[in-house]
Amino acid sequence: MTTIASASDLSMPSKTKDCSSSKRLRVAFAGTPEFAAVSLEALISQQEALNIDIVAVYTQPDRKAGRGQKLSASAVKQVALAHDIAVEQPLTFKKSSSEGLVARETLRSYQPDVMIVAAYGLILPIGVLTTPTYGCLNIHASLLPRWRGAAPIHRALLAGDSETGITIMQMDKGLDTGDMIYKISAPIEADDTAASLHDKMAELGATAIITVLKDLPHYQAQAIAQDDSQANYAEKLVKTEGEIDWTQSATIIERQIRGLTPWPGAYTFLAGQRVKILASLPVNPSQQTNQPAGTVISVGRKAILVACGKQVSKKENTEQSATTLAITQLQFAGGKPMTAEQICHGNQLNDGDQFTADLK
């Protein structure tokens, strides 16, 4: 992992003051899922070393979850309660509503010096962003300005990026458009899934925000504006993105499987029944075929070989022979996940079977 240095010739945020004195920094934390909880846990454990007090935690209201649809506290709320930290769960901060006005006043009452935001899920108006002395800092799981938006980890995998990282950003009213005060990168490994990369980015995010809080004025003084011309957006995932189009190249499909694991998951259909594709091997360019896309070429103990679409050579802009994908784990409708070896010993899949799109 390497730290990406920020330019140092930009002006310091207007509210930046010297926080290197003995006065403890009052920190409000806003986040909801496990990604944010990892940073909160790290900050709690480092309060004395960082000379900070976490005075309040903001998180989304409890949601119904599971088969029983019981109200469930967010991962961040669970951490906060375990450490006896005040928890706030406003529905809105909009000043057009009475609840929003109360939420703003409550935040002011905590007298925060800085608010740390990580996957909170609630829009923070400018009136909230300017409440803390040093503003609001966002822990974003990409190397901005690449992959602004809701699903940066998944989109990086789907696009075949070779690296990603964490950006600590000074929040403004735009969608992940604020000045970057610290960036740290990490490689995307060939076997990374959205789940494994999420965990890596959660840990890296915790490390990054601790680094920044060790000398906040220094990093804010080095803030650099994003180049909007280089920006792209990580749109929120939808379930239908999981359906495999076997006419795509094996490279694209393999990224789809990793990028959508565990949710929404990659899937296809066999005789009208949904089949989840849980894992596959890296694409072997030398394994090519003349079989129609979606055809099961062979059911082996190590992998199930499936015909995919043709790979286009970027250098020559020409189509090559059809590619193949080696599936190592899948799940039939109503069944449990099965390895290629388990499937090979059964009779649910045979050479020559055809994976298709939804026929409904």
Protein backbone atom coordinates (compact mmCIF):
# COMPACT_ATOMS: atom_id res chain seq x y z
CA MET A 1 0.00 0.00 0.00
CA THR A 2 1.30 3.43 -0.83
CA THR A 3 0.27 6.85 0.34
CA ILE A 4 -0.59 9.26 -2.45
CA ALA A 5 0.69 12.69 -1.50
CA SER A 6 -1.63 15.64 -1.84
CA ALA A 7 -0.57 19.00 -3.26
CA SER A 8 0.39 21.54 -0.60
CA ASP A 9 -0.24 24.79 -2.39
CA LEU A 10 -3.94 25.16 -1.68
CA SER A 11 -5.44 27.30 1.05
CA MET A 12 -6.45 25.90 4.43
CA PRO A 13 -10.21 25.49 5.07
CA SER A 14 -11.59 28.66 6.60
CA LYS A 15 -12.38 27.02 9.96
CA THR A 16 -9.05 25.25 10.35
CA LYS A 17 -7.42 26.07 13.69
CA ASP A 18 -4.53 24.71 15.65
CA CYS A 19 -5.75 21.52 17.34
CA SER A 20 -2.30 20.39 18.41
CA SER A 21 -2.80 21.78 21.94
CA SER A 22 -3.74 19.69 24.96
CA LYS A 23 -7.43 20.35 24.38
CA ARG A 24 -9.14 17.11 23.38
CA LEU A 25 -10.84 17.09 20.01
CA ARG A 26 -14.60 16.50 20.26
CA VAL A 27 -15.55 14.00 17.56
CA ALA A 28 -19.01 13.11 16.26
CA PHE A 29 -19.16 9.96 14.14
CA ALA A 30 -21.79 9.24 11.47
CA GLY A 31 -22.07 5.84 9.81
CA THR A 32 -24.28 2.80 9.52
CA PRO A 33 -22.92 -0.53 8.13
CA GLU A 34 -19.99 -2.74 9.07
CA PHE A 35 -17.64 -0.71 6.85
CA ALA A 36 -18.19 2.28 9.14
CA ALA A 37 -18.20 0.22 12.34
CA VAL A 38 -14.59 -0.85 11.72
CA SER A 39 -13.46 2.80 11.72
CA LEU A 40 -15.55 3.59 14.79
CA GLU A 41 -14.01 0.68 16.72
CA ALA A 42 -10.53 1.84 15.73
CA LEU A 43 -11.22 5.43 16.80
CA ILE A 44 -12.63 4.31 20.14
CA SER A 45 -9.53 2.23 20.82
CA GLN A 46 -7.27 5.17 19.92
CA GLN A 47 -9.06 7.97 21.81
CA GLU A 48 -6.26 8.50 24.30
CA ALA A 49 -3.46 8.28 21.72
CA LEU A 50 -5.29 10.71 19.40
CA ASN A 51 -6.38 13.02 22.23
CA ILE A 52 -10.04 12.84 21.13
CA ASP A 53 -13.43 12.26 22.73
CA ILE A 54 -16.16 10.61 20.66
CA VAL A 55 -19.10 12.58 21.99
CA ALA A 56 -21.89 11.19 19.81
CA VAL A 57 -22.58 8.60 17.13
CA TYR A 58 -25.10 9.18 14.35
CA THR A 59 -26.57 6.25 12.47
CA GLN A 60 -29.63 5.26 10.47
CA PRO A 61 -32.83 4.36 12.34
CA ASP A 62 -33.26 0.68 13.24
CA ARG A 63 -34.55 -1.36 10.30
CA LYS A 64 -36.55 -4.58 10.05
CA ALA A 65 -34.33 -7.49 9.07
CA GLY A 66 -34.32 -11.27 8.86
CA ARG A 67 -37.19 -13.70 8.46
CA GLY A 68 -38.91 -12.42 11.57
CA GLN A 69 -38.63 -8.82 10.36
CA LYS A 70 -37.58 -7.67 13.80
CA LEU A 71 -36.06 -4.23 14.25
CA SER A 72 -32.31 -4.48 14.05
CA ALA A 73 -29.70 -1.95 15.16
CA SER A 74 -27.00 -1.00 12.68
CA ALA A 75 -23.44 -2.27 13.10
CA VAL A 76 -22.37 1.23 14.11
CA LYS A 77 -25.10 1.56 16.74
CA GLN A 78 -24.11 -1.77 18.26
CA VAL A 79 -20.51 -0.59 18.63
CA ALA A 80 -21.58 2.73 20.14
CA LEU A 81 -23.89 1.11 22.70
CA ALA A 82 -21.20 -1.38 23.67
CA HIS A 83 -18.97 1.57 24.58
CA ASP A 84 -21.68 3.72 26.22
CA ILE A 85 -21.53 6.43 23.56
CA ALA A 86 -24.61 8.57 22.91
CA VAL A 87 -26.51 7.46 19.79
CA GLU A 88 -28.60 9.74 17.59
CA GLN A 89 -30.83 8.40 14.78
CA PRO A 90 -32.55 11.33 13.05
CA LEU A 91 -34.61 10.69 9.95
CA THR A 92 -33.50 13.96 8.40
CA PHE A 93 -31.43 17.10 8.87
CA LYS A 94 -33.57 19.21 6.53
CA LYS A 95 -34.39 22.59 8.02
CA SER A 96 -37.77 22.50 6.25
CA SER A 97 -38.99 19.96 8.83
CA SER A 98 -39.32 20.27 12.59
CA GLU A 99 -37.42 16.99 13.05
CA GLY A 100 -34.59 18.27 10.91
CA LEU A 101 -34.34 21.46 12.96
CA VAL A 102 -34.26 19.45 16.19
CA ALA A 103 -31.54 17.19 14.72
CA ARG A 104 -29.41 20.23 13.84
CA GLU A 105 -29.82 21.72 17.29
CA THR A 106 -28.94 18.39 18.91
CA LEU A 107 -25.75 18.20 16.84
CA ARG A 108 -24.79 21.74 17.87
CA SER A 109 -25.34 20.82 21.52
CA TYR A 110 -22.54 18.25 21.29
CA GLN A 111 -20.17 21.06 20.24
CA PRO A 112 -18.25 18.83 17.81
CA ASP A 113 -14.84 19.91 16.57
CA VAL A 114 -15.10 17.47 13.65
CA MET A 115 -17.55 14.93 12.30
CA ILE A 116 -16.25 11.70 10.74
CA VAL A 117 -18.63 10.26 8.15
CA ALA A 118 -18.47 6.74 6.68
CA ALA A 119 -21.32 5.18 4.68
CA TYR A 120 -23.90 7.05 6.75
CA GLY A 121 -26.69 6.90 4.18
CA LEU A 122 -28.23 10.28 5.02
CA ILE A 123 -27.62 13.50 3.12
CA LEU A 124 -25.91 16.16 5.21
CA PRO A 125 -27.00 19.70 4.24
CA ILE A 126 -24.49 22.54 4.19
CA GLY A 127 -25.78 23.73 7.57
CA VAL A 128 -24.67 20.44 9.09
CA LEU A 129 -21.37 20.29 7.20
CA THR A 130 -20.35 23.65 8.67
CA THR A 131 -21.42 22.94 12.25
CA PRO A 132 -18.19 21.24 13.44
CA THR A 133 -15.15 23.51 13.79
CA TYR A 134 -13.16 21.51 11.26
CA GLY A 135 -16.14 20.46 9.15
CA CYS A 136 -17.05 16.91 8.15
CA LEU A 137 -14.56 14.35 6.88
CA ASN A 138 -15.71 11.45 4.73
CA ILE A 139 -14.02 8.04 4.55
CA HIS A 140 -14.63 7.06 0.92
CA ALA A 141 -13.68 3.64 -0.48
CA SER A 142 -12.07 4.70 -3.75
CA LEU A 143 -9.27 6.84 -5.12
CA LEU A 144 -11.32 9.92 -5.89
CA PRO A 145 -12.38 11.32 -8.26
CA ARG A 146 -12.73 7.78 -9.62
CA TRP A 147 -15.87 6.05 -8.38
CA ARG A 148 -17.82 8.75 -6.63
CA GLY A 149 -21.13 7.45 -5.38
CA ALA A 150 -22.79 4.51 -3.66
CA ALA A 151 -20.94 1.36 -4.78
CA PRO A 152 -17.25 2.18 -5.37
CA ILE A 153 -15.91 -1.22 -4.27
CA HIS A 154 -18.20 -3.19 -6.57
CA ARG A 155 -17.68 -0.88 -9.54
CA ALA A 156 -13.91 -1.06 -9.26
CA LEU A 157 -14.10 -4.86 -9.50
CA LEU A 158 -16.61 -4.83 -12.33
CA ALA A 159 -14.42 -2.45 -14.31
CA GLY A 160 -11.32 -4.58 -13.83
CA ASP A 161 -9.38 -1.87 -11.96
CA SER A 162 -5.94 -2.98 -10.79
CA GLU A 163 -6.04 -0.85 -7.64
CA THR A 164 -8.37 1.06 -5.39
CA GLY A 165 -8.01 2.71 -2.01
CA ILE A 166 -9.33 5.16 0.53
CA THR A 167 -9.79 8.91 0.18
CA ILE A 168 -10.36 11.09 3.23
CA MET A 169 -12.35 13.99 1.85
CA GLN A 170 -13.49 17.34 3.22
CA MET A 171 -17.21 17.10 2.59
CA ASP A 172 -19.10 19.72 0.62
CA LYS A 173 -22.64 19.89 -0.77
CA GLY A 174 -21.82 17.76 -3.83
CA LEU A 175 -21.81 13.96 -4.15
CA ASP A 176 -18.26 13.00 -3.12
CA THR A 177 -16.91 16.18 -4.71
CA GLY A 178 -15.05 17.69 -1.75
CA ASP A 179 -11.34 18.42 -1.51
CA MET A 180 -9.11 15.40 -0.89
CA ILE A 181 -6.95 15.64 2.21
CA TYR A 182 -5.45 12.13 2.28
CA LYS A 183 -5.33 9.14 -0.09
CA ILE A 184 -3.92 5.67 0.31
CA SER A 185 -3.99 2.97 -2.35
CA ALA A 186 -4.09 -0.83 -2.34
CA PRO A 187 -3.91 -3.41 -5.14
CA ILE A 188 -6.96 -5.38 -6.21
CA GLU A 189 -5.92 -9.03 -6.19
CA ALA A 190 -7.03 -11.52 -8.84
CA ASP A 191 -9.15 -13.43 -6.32
CA ASP A 192 -10.74 -10.43 -4.60
CA THR A 193 -14.52 -10.38 -4.36
CA ALA A 194 -16.71 -7.50 -3.27
CA ALA A 195 -16.78 -9.13 0.18
CA SER A 196 -13.01 -9.49 0.57
CA LEU A 197 -12.28 -6.07 -0.89
CA HIS A 198 -14.90 -4.51 1.41
CA ASP A 199 -13.09 -5.91 4.44
CA LYS A 200 -9.72 -4.66 3.18
CA MET A 201 -11.11 -1.18 2.52
CA ALA A 202 -12.81 -1.08 5.92
CA GLU A 203 -9.48 -1.72 7.65
CA LEU A 204 -7.67 0.70 5.35
CA GLY A 205 -10.30 3.35 6.04
CA ALA A 206 -9.75 3.00 9.77
CA THR A 207 -6.00 3.36 9.30
CA ALA A 208 -6.45 6.41 7.06
CA ILE A 209 -8.73 8.36 9.40
CA ILE A 210 -6.46 7.68 12.37
CA THR A 211 -3.52 9.01 10.35
CA VAL A 212 -5.43 12.20 9.52
CA LEU A 213 -6.59 12.82 13.09
CA LYS A 214 -3.01 12.62 14.34
CA ASP A 215 -2.42 15.99 12.66
CA LEU A 216 -5.69 17.30 11.23
CA PRO A 217 -4.57 20.90 10.51
CA HIS A 218 -1.57 19.61 8.56
CA TYR A 219 -3.68 17.42 6.29
CA GLN A 220 -6.40 20.03 5.84
CA ALA A 221 -3.74 22.54 4.83
CA GLN A 222 -2.68 20.14 2.07
CA ALA A 223 -6.18 19.64 0.70
CA ILE A 224 -6.36 19.37 -3.07
CA ALA A 225 -9.40 19.88 -5.26
CA GLN A 226 -10.69 16.97 -7.32
CA ASP A 227 -10.34 17.06 -11.10
CA ASP A 228 -13.99 16.82 -12.13
CA SER A 229 -12.99 15.92 -15.70
CA GLN A 230 -11.60 12.62 -14.35
CA ALA A 231 -14.66 11.76 -12.28
CA ASN A 232 -16.97 8.82 -12.82
CA TYR A 233 -19.84 7.48 -10.73
CA ALA A 234 -20.40 4.22 -8.92
CA GLU A 235 -24.12 3.77 -9.38
CA LYS A 236 -26.08 1.87 -6.75
CA LEU A 237 -26.34 -1.85 -7.51
CA VAL A 238 -29.59 -3.44 -8.65
CA LYS A 239 -30.45 -7.15 -8.55
CA THR A 240 -30.78 -7.50 -12.32
CA GLU A 241 -27.09 -6.70 -12.76
CA GLY A 242 -26.40 -10.21 -11.52
CA GLU A 243 -27.86 -11.94 -14.58
CA ILE A 244 -25.06 -13.31 -16.74
CA ASP A 245 -25.00 -12.63 -20.47
CA TRP A 246 -22.93 -15.53 -21.79
CA THR A 247 -22.27 -13.69 -25.06
CA GLN A 248 -19.96 -11.43 -23.05
CA SER A 249 -16.32 -12.45 -22.78
CA ALA A 250 -15.19 -14.72 -19.96
CA THR A 251 -13.15 -11.81 -18.56
CA ILE A 252 -16.23 -9.64 -18.12
CA ILE A 253 -18.28 -12.48 -16.63
CA GLU A 254 -15.51 -13.43 -14.19
CA ARG A 255 -15.40 -9.82 -12.98
CA GLN A 256 -19.17 -9.86 -12.64
CA ILE A 257 -19.05 -12.93 -10.40
CA ARG A 258 -16.40 -11.42 -8.11
CA GLY A 259 -17.82 -7.91 -8.17
CA LEU A 260 -21.32 -9.00 -7.18
CA THR A 261 -20.38 -11.47 -4.44
CA PRO A 262 -22.14 -11.72 -2.03
CA TRP A 263 -24.87 -9.32 -3.24
CA PRO A 264 -26.75 -9.31 -5.52
CA GLY A 265 -24.82 -12.36 -6.76
CA ALA A 266 -24.25 -13.56 -10.31
CA TYR A 267 -26.83 -15.95 -11.73
CA THR A 268 -28.02 -17.71 -14.86
CA PHE A 269 -30.79 -20.15 -15.84
CA LEU A 270 -30.82 -23.85 -16.64
CA ALA A 271 -34.08 -25.22 -18.06
CA GLY A 272 -35.86 -22.18 -16.62
CA GLN A 273 -34.45 -22.64 -13.10
CA ARG A 274 -32.17 -20.02 -11.57
CA VAL A 275 -28.60 -21.10 -10.85
CA LYS A 276 -26.26 -18.94 -8.77
CA ILE A 277 -22.65 -18.81 -9.94
CA LEU A 278 -20.65 -18.38 -6.74
CA ALA A 279 -17.02 -18.65 -7.83
CA SER A 280 -14.77 -19.26 -10.83
CA LEU A 281 -11.10 -19.46 -11.69
CA PRO A 282 -9.16 -16.61 -13.32
CA VAL A 283 -9.67 -16.63 -17.07
CA ASN A 284 -7.18 -18.71 -19.08
CA PRO A 285 -6.80 -16.98 -22.49
CA SER A 286 -5.50 -20.18 -24.07
CA GLN A 287 -8.75 -22.01 -23.36
CA GLN A 288 -10.95 -21.18 -26.32
CA THR A 289 -13.91 -22.88 -27.95
CA ASN A 290 -16.25 -22.92 -30.91
CA GLN A 291 -19.25 -23.90 -28.79
CA PRO A 292 -22.25 -21.51 -28.55
CA ALA A 293 -22.16 -19.09 -25.62
CA GLY A 294 -23.60 -20.60 -22.45
CA THR A 295 -22.83 -24.20 -23.41
CA VAL A 296 -21.46 -26.44 -20.66
CA ILE A 297 -18.36 -27.83 -22.36
CA SER A 298 -17.32 -30.19 -19.57
CA VAL A 299 -18.26 -31.00 -15.97
CA GLY A 300 -15.00 -31.79 -14.21
CA ARG A 301 -13.95 -32.35 -10.64
CA LYS A 302 -11.88 -29.16 -10.53
CA ALA A 303 -14.12 -26.91 -12.61
CA ILE A 304 -17.13 -26.69 -14.89
CA LEU A 305 -16.05 -25.26 -18.24
CA VAL A 306 -18.62 -22.99 -19.93
CA ALA A 307 -18.43 -21.30 -23.34
CA CYS A 308 -18.58 -17.50 -23.31
CA GLY A 309 -18.47 -14.75 -25.91
CA LYS A 310 -15.47 -13.59 -27.88
CA GLN A 311 -12.70 -11.46 -26.42
CA VAL A 312 -11.92 -8.27 -28.33
CA SER A 313 -8.24 -7.41 -28.63
CA LYS A 314 -7.80 -3.78 -27.54
CA LYS A 315 -4.53 -3.41 -29.41
CA GLU A 316 -5.76 -4.81 -32.70
CA ASN A 317 -9.48 -4.09 -32.19
CA THR A 318 -10.27 -7.55 -33.55
CA GLU A 319 -12.35 -10.40 -32.17
CA GLN A 320 -10.59 -13.58 -31.11
CA SER A 321 -12.04 -17.06 -30.63
CA ALA A 322 -14.79 -17.54 -28.06
CA THR A 323 -13.56 -17.64 -24.46
CA THR A 324 -14.34 -20.07 -21.65
CA LEU A 325 -15.04 -19.71 -17.94
CA ALA A 326 -14.09 -22.31 -15.35
CA ILE A 327 -16.76 -22.33 -12.61
CA THR A 328 -15.71 -23.82 -9.28
CA GLN A 329 -18.84 -23.31 -7.18
CA LEU A 330 -22.53 -22.85 -7.90
CA GLN A 331 -25.91 -23.26 -6.28
CA PHE A 332 -29.06 -24.72 -7.82
CA ALA A 333 -32.47 -23.33 -6.90
CA GLY A 334 -33.52 -24.60 -3.46
CA GLY A 335 -30.16 -26.25 -2.87
CA LYS A 336 -26.93 -25.59 -1.01
CA PRO A 337 -23.71 -24.25 -2.53
CA MET A 338 -21.82 -27.04 -4.31
CA THR A 339 -18.25 -27.39 -5.51
CA ALA A 340 -17.41 -28.55 -9.02
CA GLU A 341 -16.39 -31.93 -7.59
CA GLN A 342 -19.74 -32.38 -5.84
CA ILE A 343 -21.56 -31.50 -9.04
CA CYS A 344 -19.36 -33.85 -11.06
CA HIS A 345 -20.47 -36.78 -8.85
CA GLY A 346 -24.15 -35.87 -9.25
CA ASN A 347 -26.47 -35.65 -12.23
CA GLN A 348 -27.79 -32.08 -12.03
CA LEU A 349 -25.44 -30.81 -14.73
CA ASN A 350 -24.07 -32.54 -17.80
CA ASP A 351 -21.81 -31.83 -20.75
CA GLY A 352 -23.81 -30.06 -23.45
CA ASP A 353 -26.32 -28.41 -21.10
CA GLN A 354 -27.13 -24.81 -21.95
CA PHE A 355 -27.15 -21.86 -19.56
CA THR A 356 -29.56 -19.20 -20.79
CA ALA A 357 -31.13 -15.88 -19.92
CA ASP A 358 -34.43 -15.71 -18.04
CA LEU A 359 -36.99 -17.31 -20.36
CA LYS A 360 -40.02 -15.78 -18.56
